[in-house]
C-alpha atoms as a PDB file:
ATOM      1  CA  MET A   1     102.552 101.558  61.384  1.00  0.00           C
ATOM      2  CA  ILE A   2     104.732 100.212  64.188  1.00  0.00           C
ATOM      3  CA  ALA A   3     103.873  99.262  67.771  1.00  0.00           C
ATOM      4  CA  LEU A   4     105.947 100.904  70.473  1.00  0.00           C
ATOM      5  CA  GLY A   5     106.308  97.527  72.120  1.00  0.00           C
ATOM      6  CA  GLU A   6     108.367  96.368  69.155  1.00  0.00           C
ATOM      7  CA  LEU A   7     111.058  98.989  69.837  1.00  0.00           C
ATOM      8  CA  ARG A   8     114.084  98.088  71.955  1.00  0.00           C
ATOM      9  CA  GLU A   9     114.371  99.687  75.402  1.00  0.00           C
ATOM     10  CA  GLY A  10     116.976 102.450  75.379  1.00  0.00           C
ATOM     11  CA  ALA A  11     117.274 102.503  71.589  1.00  0.00           C
ATOM     12  CA  PRO A  12     116.985 105.914  69.926  1.00  0.00           C
ATOM     13  CA  VAL A  13     113.906 106.285  67.761  1.00  0.00           C
ATOM     14  CA  ARG A  14     112.632 109.008  65.510  1.00  0.00           C
ATOM     15  CA  LEU A  15     108.899 109.443  65.843  1.00  0.00           C
ATOM     16  CA  LEU A  16     107.002 110.983  62.946  1.00  0.00           C
ATOM     17  CA  LEU A  17     103.715 112.067  64.414  1.00  0.00           C
ATOM     18  CA  CYS A  18     100.650 113.834  63.168  1.00  0.00           C
ATOM     19  CA  PRO A  19      99.541 116.811  65.318  1.00  0.00           C
ATOM     20  CA  ARG A  20      96.973 114.807  67.282  1.00  0.00           C
ATOM     21  CA  THR A  21      98.638 111.384  67.544  1.00  0.00           C
ATOM     22  CA  TYR A  22      97.880 109.309  70.637  1.00  0.00           C
ATOM     23  CA  LEU A  23     100.954 107.687  72.157  1.00  0.00           C
ATOM     24  CA  CYS A  24     100.572 104.844  74.605  1.00  0.00           C
ATOM     25  CA  GLY A  25     102.721 101.981  75.714  1.00  0.00           C
ATOM     26  CA  LYS A  26     100.375  99.325  74.372  1.00  0.00           C
ATOM     27  CA  GLY A  27      98.864 101.234  71.463  1.00  0.00           C
ATOM     28  CA  THR A  28      99.840 101.482  67.832  1.00  0.00           C
ATOM     29  CA  PRO A  29     100.276 105.135  66.844  1.00  0.00           C
ATOM     30  CA  ARG A  30     100.224 106.364  63.288  1.00  0.00           C
ATOM     31  CA  PHE A  31     103.415 108.093  62.185  1.00  0.00           C
ATOM     32  CA  SER A  32     103.333 111.020  59.770  1.00  0.00           C
ATOM     33  CA  PRO A  33     105.476 114.027  59.043  1.00  0.00           C
ATOM     34  CA  VAL A  34     106.243 115.902  62.243  1.00  0.00           C
ATOM     35  CA  GLY A  35     109.413 114.468  63.749  1.00  0.00           C
ATOM     36  CA  TYR A  36     110.672 114.064  67.319  1.00  0.00           C
ATOM     37  CA  SER A  37     113.833 112.195  68.310  1.00  0.00           C
ATOM     38  CA  LEU A  38     114.080 110.736  71.813  1.00  0.00           C
ATOM     39  CA  PRO A  39     114.970 107.435  73.496  1.00  0.00           C
ATOM     40  CA  ILE A  40     112.131 104.934  73.693  1.00  0.00           C
ATOM     41  CA  SER A  41     112.784 104.776  77.448  1.00  0.00           C
ATOM     42  CA  GLU A  42     111.338 108.310  77.677  1.00  0.00           C
ATOM     43  CA  ILE A  43     107.975 107.237  76.282  1.00  0.00           C
ATOM     44  CA  HIS A  44     105.661 106.625  79.205  1.00  0.00           C
ATOM     45  CA  ALA A  45     102.873 104.057  79.183  1.00  0.00           C
ATOM     46  CA  SER A  46     100.366 106.799  79.937  1.00  0.00           C
ATOM     47  CA  VAL A  47      98.721 108.432  76.960  1.00  0.00           C
ATOM     48  CA  ILE A  48     100.255 111.593  75.539  1.00  0.00           C
ATOM     49  CA  ILE A  49      98.226 113.771  73.227  1.00  0.00           C
ATOM     50  CA  LEU A  50     100.165 115.908  70.762  1.00  0.00           C
ATOM     51  CA  HIS A  51      98.426 119.011  69.516  1.00  0.00           C
ATOM     52  CA  ARG A  52     100.955 120.981  67.474  1.00  0.00           C
ATOM     53  CA  ARG A  53     103.445 120.880  70.333  1.00  0.00           C
ATOM     54  CA  SER A  54     107.091 121.806  70.001  1.00  0.00           C
ATOM     55  CA  PRO A  55     109.723 119.129  70.833  1.00  0.00           C
ATOM     56  CA  THR A  56     110.353 120.858  74.183  1.00  0.00           C
ATOM     57  CA  GLU A  57     106.654 120.844  75.053  1.00  0.00           C
ATOM     58  CA  PHE A  58     106.388 117.239  73.944  1.00  0.00           C
ATOM     59  CA  LYS A  59     109.213 116.101  76.222  1.00  0.00           C
ATOM     60  CA  ALA A  60     107.660 118.064  79.097  1.00  0.00           C
ATOM     61  CA  TRP A  61     104.432 116.119  78.546  1.00  0.00           C
ATOM     62  CA  LEU A  62     106.334 112.869  78.704  1.00  0.00           C
ATOM     63  CA  SER A  63     108.012 113.739  81.990  1.00  0.00           C
ATOM     64  CA  ARG A  64     104.981 115.108  83.846  1.00  0.00           C
ATOM     65  CA  PRO A  65     103.775 112.918  86.744  1.00  0.00           C
ATOM     66  CA  PRO A  66     100.161 111.721  86.901  1.00  0.00           C
ATOM     67  CA  SER A  67      97.782 114.293  88.378  1.00  0.00           C
ATOM     68  CA  GLU A  68      96.246 113.638  91.753  1.00  0.00           C
ATOM     69  CA  MET A  69      92.480 113.592  91.766  1.00  0.00           C
ATOM     70  CA  PRO A  70      91.161 116.784  93.385  1.00  0.00           C
ATOM     71  CA  ASP A  71      89.163 116.184  96.535  1.00  0.00           C
ATOM     72  CA  VAL A  72      86.325 117.916  98.349  1.00  0.00           C
ATOM     73  CA  GLY A  73      87.578 121.268  99.588  1.00  0.00           C
ATOM     74  CA  ASP A  74      90.245 121.579  96.886  1.00  0.00           C
ATOM     75  CA  LYS A  75      90.170 124.277  94.249  1.00  0.00           C
ATOM     76  CA  ALA A  76      88.687 122.846  91.073  1.00  0.00           C
ATOM     77  CA  PRO A  77      91.235 122.584  88.244  1.00  0.00           C
ATOM     78  CA  GLU A  78      90.781 125.238  85.592  1.00  0.00           C
ATOM     79  CA  PHE A  79      90.056 124.488  81.957  1.00  0.00           C
ATOM     80  CA  SER A  80      89.397 126.155  78.620  1.00  0.00           C
ATOM     81  CA  LEU A  81      87.375 123.972  76.248  1.00  0.00           C
ATOM     82  CA  TYR A  82      85.195 124.258  73.182  1.00  0.00           C
ATOM     83  CA  ASP A  83      81.494 123.602  73.672  1.00  0.00           C
ATOM     84  CA  GLN A  84      79.115 121.930  71.223  1.00  0.00           C
ATOM     85  CA  ASN A  85      78.711 125.245  69.398  1.00  0.00           C
ATOM     86  CA  ARG A  86      82.498 125.598  68.907  1.00  0.00           C
ATOM     87  CA  LYS A  87      82.649 128.420  71.446  1.00  0.00           C
ATOM     88  CA  VAL A  88      85.571 128.438  73.877  1.00  0.00           C
ATOM     89  CA  ARG A  89      84.321 128.232  77.457  1.00  0.00           C
ATOM     90  CA  GLN A  90      86.441 129.016  80.499  1.00  0.00           C
ATOM     91  CA  SER A  91      85.943 127.231  83.807  1.00  0.00           C
ATOM     92  CA  SER A  92      85.645 130.650  85.459  1.00  0.00           C
ATOM     93  CA  GLU A  93      82.318 131.151  83.628  1.00  0.00           C
ATOM     94  CA  PHE A  94      80.800 128.415  85.748  1.00  0.00           C
ATOM     95  CA  VAL A  95      81.881 129.872  89.095  1.00  0.00           C
ATOM     96  CA  VAL A  96      78.947 132.137  89.898  1.00  0.00           C
ATOM     97  CA  LYS A  97      78.102 133.777  93.215  1.00  0.00           C
ATOM     98  CA  GLY A  98      75.344 131.943  95.042  1.00  0.00           C
ATOM     99  CA  ARG A  99      75.318 129.010  92.602  1.00  0.00           C
ATOM    100  CA  LYS A 100      76.834 125.552  92.246  1.00  0.00           C
ATOM    101  CA  THR A 101      77.861 123.832  89.029  1.00  0.00           C
ATOM    102  CA  VAL A 102      77.661 120.098  88.411  1.00  0.00           C
ATOM    103  CA  ILE A 103      80.607 119.061  86.225  1.00  0.00           C
ATOM    104  CA  ALA A 104      79.669 115.700  84.750  1.00  0.00           C
ATOM    105  CA  PHE A 105      82.467 113.782  83.021  1.00  0.00           C
ATOM    106  CA  PHE A 106      81.104 111.104  80.704  1.00  0.00           C
ATOM    107  CA  PRO A 107      82.847 108.563  78.425  1.00  0.00           C
ATOM    108  CA  GLY A 108      81.248 109.320  75.088  1.00  0.00           C
ATOM    109  CA  ALA A 109      78.361 110.848  73.174  1.00  0.00           C
ATOM    110  CA  PHE A 110      75.671 108.467  71.883  1.00  0.00           C
ATOM    111  CA  THR A 111      76.679 105.588  74.162  1.00  0.00           C
ATOM    112  CA  GLY A 112      73.822 104.027  76.106  1.00  0.00           C
ATOM    113  CA  ALA A 113      74.734 104.931  79.683  1.00  0.00           C
ATOM    114  CA  CYS A 114      75.915 108.427  78.711  1.00  0.00           C
ATOM    115  CA  THR A 115      72.672 109.127  76.870  1.00  0.00           C
ATOM    116  CA  GLN A 116      70.731 107.987  79.936  1.00  0.00           C
ATOM    117  CA  GLU A 117      72.838 110.168  82.244  1.00  0.00           C
ATOM    118  CA  MET A 118      72.705 113.332  80.142  1.00  0.00           C
ATOM    119  CA  CYS A 119      68.969 112.935  79.544  1.00  0.00           C
ATOM    120  CA  THR A 120      68.430 112.529  83.288  1.00  0.00           C
ATOM    121  CA  PHE A 121      70.272 115.809  83.846  1.00  0.00           C
ATOM    122  CA  ARG A 122      68.087 117.347  81.132  1.00  0.00           C
ATOM    123  CA  ASP A 123      64.940 116.172  82.886  1.00  0.00           C
ATOM    124  CA  MET A 124      66.064 117.377  86.332  1.00  0.00           C
ATOM    125  CA  TYR A 125      67.550 120.647  85.106  1.00  0.00           C
ATOM    126  CA  GLY A 126      64.516 122.636  86.218  1.00  0.00           C
ATOM    127  CA  GLU A 127      64.868 121.317  89.764  1.00  0.00           C
ATOM    128  CA  LEU A 128      68.560 122.160  89.802  1.00  0.00           C
ATOM    129  CA  GLU A 129      67.833 125.666  88.548  1.00  0.00           C
ATOM    130  CA  LYS A 130      65.415 126.232  91.443  1.00  0.00           C
ATOM    131  CA  MET A 131      68.228 125.168  93.781  1.00  0.00           C
ATOM    132  CA  LYS A 132      70.615 127.573  91.977  1.00  0.00           C
ATOM    133  CA  GLY A 133      72.504 124.782  90.293  1.00  0.00           C
ATOM    134  CA  SER A 134      73.588 124.155  86.712  1.00  0.00           C
ATOM    135  CA  VAL A 135      75.164 121.340  84.697  1.00  0.00           C
ATOM    136  CA  VAL A 136      78.195 121.113  82.404  1.00  0.00           C
ATOM    137  CA  GLY A 137      79.034 117.867  80.624  1.00  0.00           C
ATOM    138  CA  ILE A 138      82.604 117.024  79.575  1.00  0.00           C
ATOM    139  CA  SER A 139      83.786 114.222  77.309  1.00  0.00           C
ATOM    140  CA  VAL A 140      86.630 113.733  74.841  1.00  0.00           C
ATOM    141  CA  ASP A 141      84.268 114.008  71.861  1.00  0.00           C
ATOM    142  CA  ALA A 142      84.699 116.655  69.171  1.00  0.00           C
ATOM    143  CA  PRO A 143      82.333 119.667  69.019  1.00  0.00           C
ATOM    144  CA  PHE A 144      80.564 118.175  65.992  1.00  0.00           C
ATOM    145  CA  ALA A 145      79.699 114.970  67.846  1.00  0.00           C
ATOM    146  CA  GLN A 146      78.636 116.908  70.933  1.00  0.00           C
ATOM    147  CA  LYS A 147      76.395 119.135  68.807  1.00  0.00           C
ATOM    148  CA  ALA A 148      74.681 116.160  67.176  1.00  0.00           C
ATOM    149  CA  PHE A 149      74.323 114.465  70.577  1.00  0.00           C
ATOM    150  CA  ALA A 150      72.813 117.600  72.137  1.00  0.00           C
ATOM    151  CA  ASP A 151      70.417 118.195  69.244  1.00  0.00           C
ATOM    152  CA  LYS A 152      69.198 114.614  69.141  1.00  0.00           C
ATOM    153  CA  ASN A 153      68.490 114.512  72.882  1.00  0.00           C
ATOM    154  CA  GLY A 154      67.379 118.098  73.505  1.00  0.00           C
ATOM    155  CA  LEU A 155      70.323 118.910  75.761  1.00  0.00           C
ATOM    156  CA  THR A 156      70.464 122.652  76.364  1.00  0.00           C
ATOM    157  CA  PHE A 157      73.326 122.778  78.872  1.00  0.00           C
ATOM    158  CA  PRO A 158      76.974 123.047  77.727  1.00  0.00           C
ATOM    159  CA  LEU A 159      78.739 119.922  76.503  1.00  0.00           C
ATOM    160  CA  LEU A 160      82.471 120.598  76.536  1.00  0.00           C
ATOM    161  CA  CYS A 161      85.056 118.915  74.331  1.00  0.00           C
ATOM    162  CA  ASP A 162      88.263 117.709  75.952  1.00  0.00           C
ATOM    163  CA  PHE A 163      89.653 116.247  72.723  1.00  0.00           C
ATOM    164  CA  ARG A 164      93.212 116.986  73.880  1.00  0.00           C
ATOM    165  CA  ARG A 165      92.565 114.874  77.005  1.00  0.00           C
ATOM    166  CA  GLU A 166      94.092 117.597  79.195  1.00  0.00           C
ATOM    167  CA  THR A 167      91.133 118.209  81.519  1.00  0.00           C
ATOM    168  CA  ILE A 168      90.503 114.537  82.229  1.00  0.00           C
ATOM    169  CA  GLN A 169      94.165 114.328  83.242  1.00  0.00           C
ATOM    170  CA  LYS A 170      93.837 117.370  85.529  1.00  0.00           C
ATOM    171  CA  TYR A 171      90.869 115.761  87.265  1.00  0.00           C
ATOM    172  CA  ASN A 172      92.514 112.309  87.063  1.00  0.00           C
ATOM    173  CA  VAL A 173      89.433 110.677  85.551  1.00  0.00           C
ATOM    174  CA  VAL A 174      91.223 109.032  82.612  1.00  0.00           C
ATOM    175  CA  TRP A 175      89.778 105.701  81.473  1.00  0.00           C
ATOM    176  CA  ASN A 176      91.853 103.515  79.170  1.00  0.00           C
ATOM    177  CA  ASN A 177      90.680 101.005  76.547  1.00  0.00           C
ATOM    178  CA  LEU A 178      86.960 101.784  76.722  1.00  0.00           C
ATOM    179  CA  GLY A 179      84.846  98.864  75.556  1.00  0.00           C
ATOM    180  CA  GLY A 180      87.941  96.778  74.931  1.00  0.00           C
ATOM    181  CA  VAL A 181      89.223  99.160  72.251  1.00  0.00           C
ATOM    182  CA  GLU A 182      92.964  99.021  72.875  1.00  0.00           C
ATOM    183  CA  GLY A 183      94.550 102.462  73.096  1.00  0.00           C
ATOM    184  CA  TYR A 184      91.286 104.429  73.194  1.00  0.00           C
ATOM    185  CA  VAL A 185      91.316 106.927  76.053  1.00  0.00           C
ATOM    186  CA  CYS A 186      88.280 108.736  77.402  1.00  0.00           C
ATOM    187  CA  ALA A 187      86.818 110.118  80.613  1.00  0.00           C
ATOM    188  CA  ASN A 188      85.558 107.828  83.307  1.00  0.00           C
ATOM    189  CA  ARG A 189      82.103 108.749  84.523  1.00  0.00           C
ATOM    190  CA  ALA A 190      82.538 111.215  87.381  1.00  0.00           C
ATOM    191  CA  ILE A 191      80.766 114.107  89.075  1.00  0.00           C
ATOM    192  CA  PHE A 192      82.408 117.160  90.627  1.00  0.00           C
ATOM    193  CA  ILE A 193      80.168 119.865  92.095  1.00  0.00           C
ATOM    194  CA  VAL A 194      81.901 123.240  92.260  1.00  0.00           C
ATOM    195  CA  ASP A 195      80.706 125.995  94.583  1.00  0.00           C
ATOM    196  CA  ASP A 196      80.716 129.751  94.065  1.00  0.00           C
ATOM    197  CA  LYS A 197      84.276 130.010  95.363  1.00  0.00           C
ATOM    198  CA  GLY A 198      85.581 127.571  92.768  1.00  0.00           C
ATOM    199  CA  LYS A 199      86.055 124.767  95.289  1.00  0.00           C
ATOM    200  CA  ILE A 200      84.873 121.195  95.031  1.00  0.00           C
ATOM    201  CA  ALA A 201      81.861 120.637  97.275  1.00  0.00           C
ATOM    202  CA  PHE A 202      81.026 117.087  96.166  1.00  0.00           C
ATOM    203  CA  LYS A 203      82.825 114.315  94.311  1.00  0.00           C
ATOM    204  CA  TRP A 204      81.755 110.958  92.942  1.00  0.00           C
ATOM    205  CA  VAL A 205      83.758 108.712  90.616  1.00  0.00           C
ATOM    206  CA  ALA A 206      82.291 105.589  89.029  1.00  0.00           C
ATOM    207  CA  PRO A 207      83.974 102.224  89.647  1.00  0.00           C
ATOM    208  CA  ASP A 208      83.561 101.695  85.895  1.00  0.00           C
ATOM    209  CA  PRO A 209      82.144 103.802  83.037  1.00  0.00           C
ATOM    210  CA  GLY A 210      78.899 101.809  82.939  1.00  0.00           C
ATOM    211  CA  THR A 211      77.851 102.897  86.433  1.00  0.00           C
ATOM    212  CA  LEU A 212      75.503 105.878  86.714  1.00  0.00           C
ATOM    213  CA  PRO A 213      75.642 108.412  89.565  1.00  0.00           C
ATOM    214  CA  ASP A 214      73.111 108.762  92.370  1.00  0.00           C
ATOM    215  CA  PHE A 215      71.083 111.672  91.023  1.00  0.00           C
ATOM    216  CA  GLU A 216      69.275 112.225  94.324  1.00  0.00           C
ATOM    217  CA  ALA A 217      72.651 112.598  96.059  1.00  0.00           C
ATOM    218  CA  ILE A 218      73.591 115.192  93.447  1.00  0.00           C
ATOM    219  CA  LYS A 219      70.423 117.169  94.171  1.00  0.00           C
ATOM    220  CA  ARG A 220      71.139 117.082  97.888  1.00  0.00           C
ATOM    221  CA  ALA A 221      74.696 118.316  97.271  1.00  0.00           C
ATOM    222  CA  VAL A 222      73.461 121.229  95.166  1.00  0.00           C
ATOM    223  CA  GLN A 223      70.960 122.376  97.810  1.00  0.00           C
END
């Protein structure tokens, strides 16, 4: 392994990357046999996730600017993600006439605060249903972890798997180095409530991943 920081600025480098390598300016990626050649100056400090991308797609990822966080009144960014049952779910499924959907980004399955948050949504789900609301959780965990997390805690709502880190970038809720683990990238804790026109009706973003949302405020926003 080699740290990107050890490479000279402007020097050409051939990167041998596995299909899902994480690249970050301070991280230490593993190199294995899929090659890309580009100057080190083109490698951004932000994390790039490779998922069987061509060299052209890879360079496009490197050059894309950071997403702006969508605000209240904006159209909610679209996504297509696996759920805990390995079924692909489209964001359009959760835009339903007369209903609102709570999209809850959380850092990781089985962590203390995330378990507390998802179980609180489980316990208040009946109230939300009466108000014509529903819940969708999103983290960077794999479907297998989400399934185990859901089964252990009796979570019946969808838990979506943004393992490519694309949706957390679209919503600009990326959190770097969770728990002091250098190079680990996940979702910050955040809530976006989407109305039946696909627009954001409510937004809350935690100052840090350990902070839980105001669940009463969420209920009021769904009403």
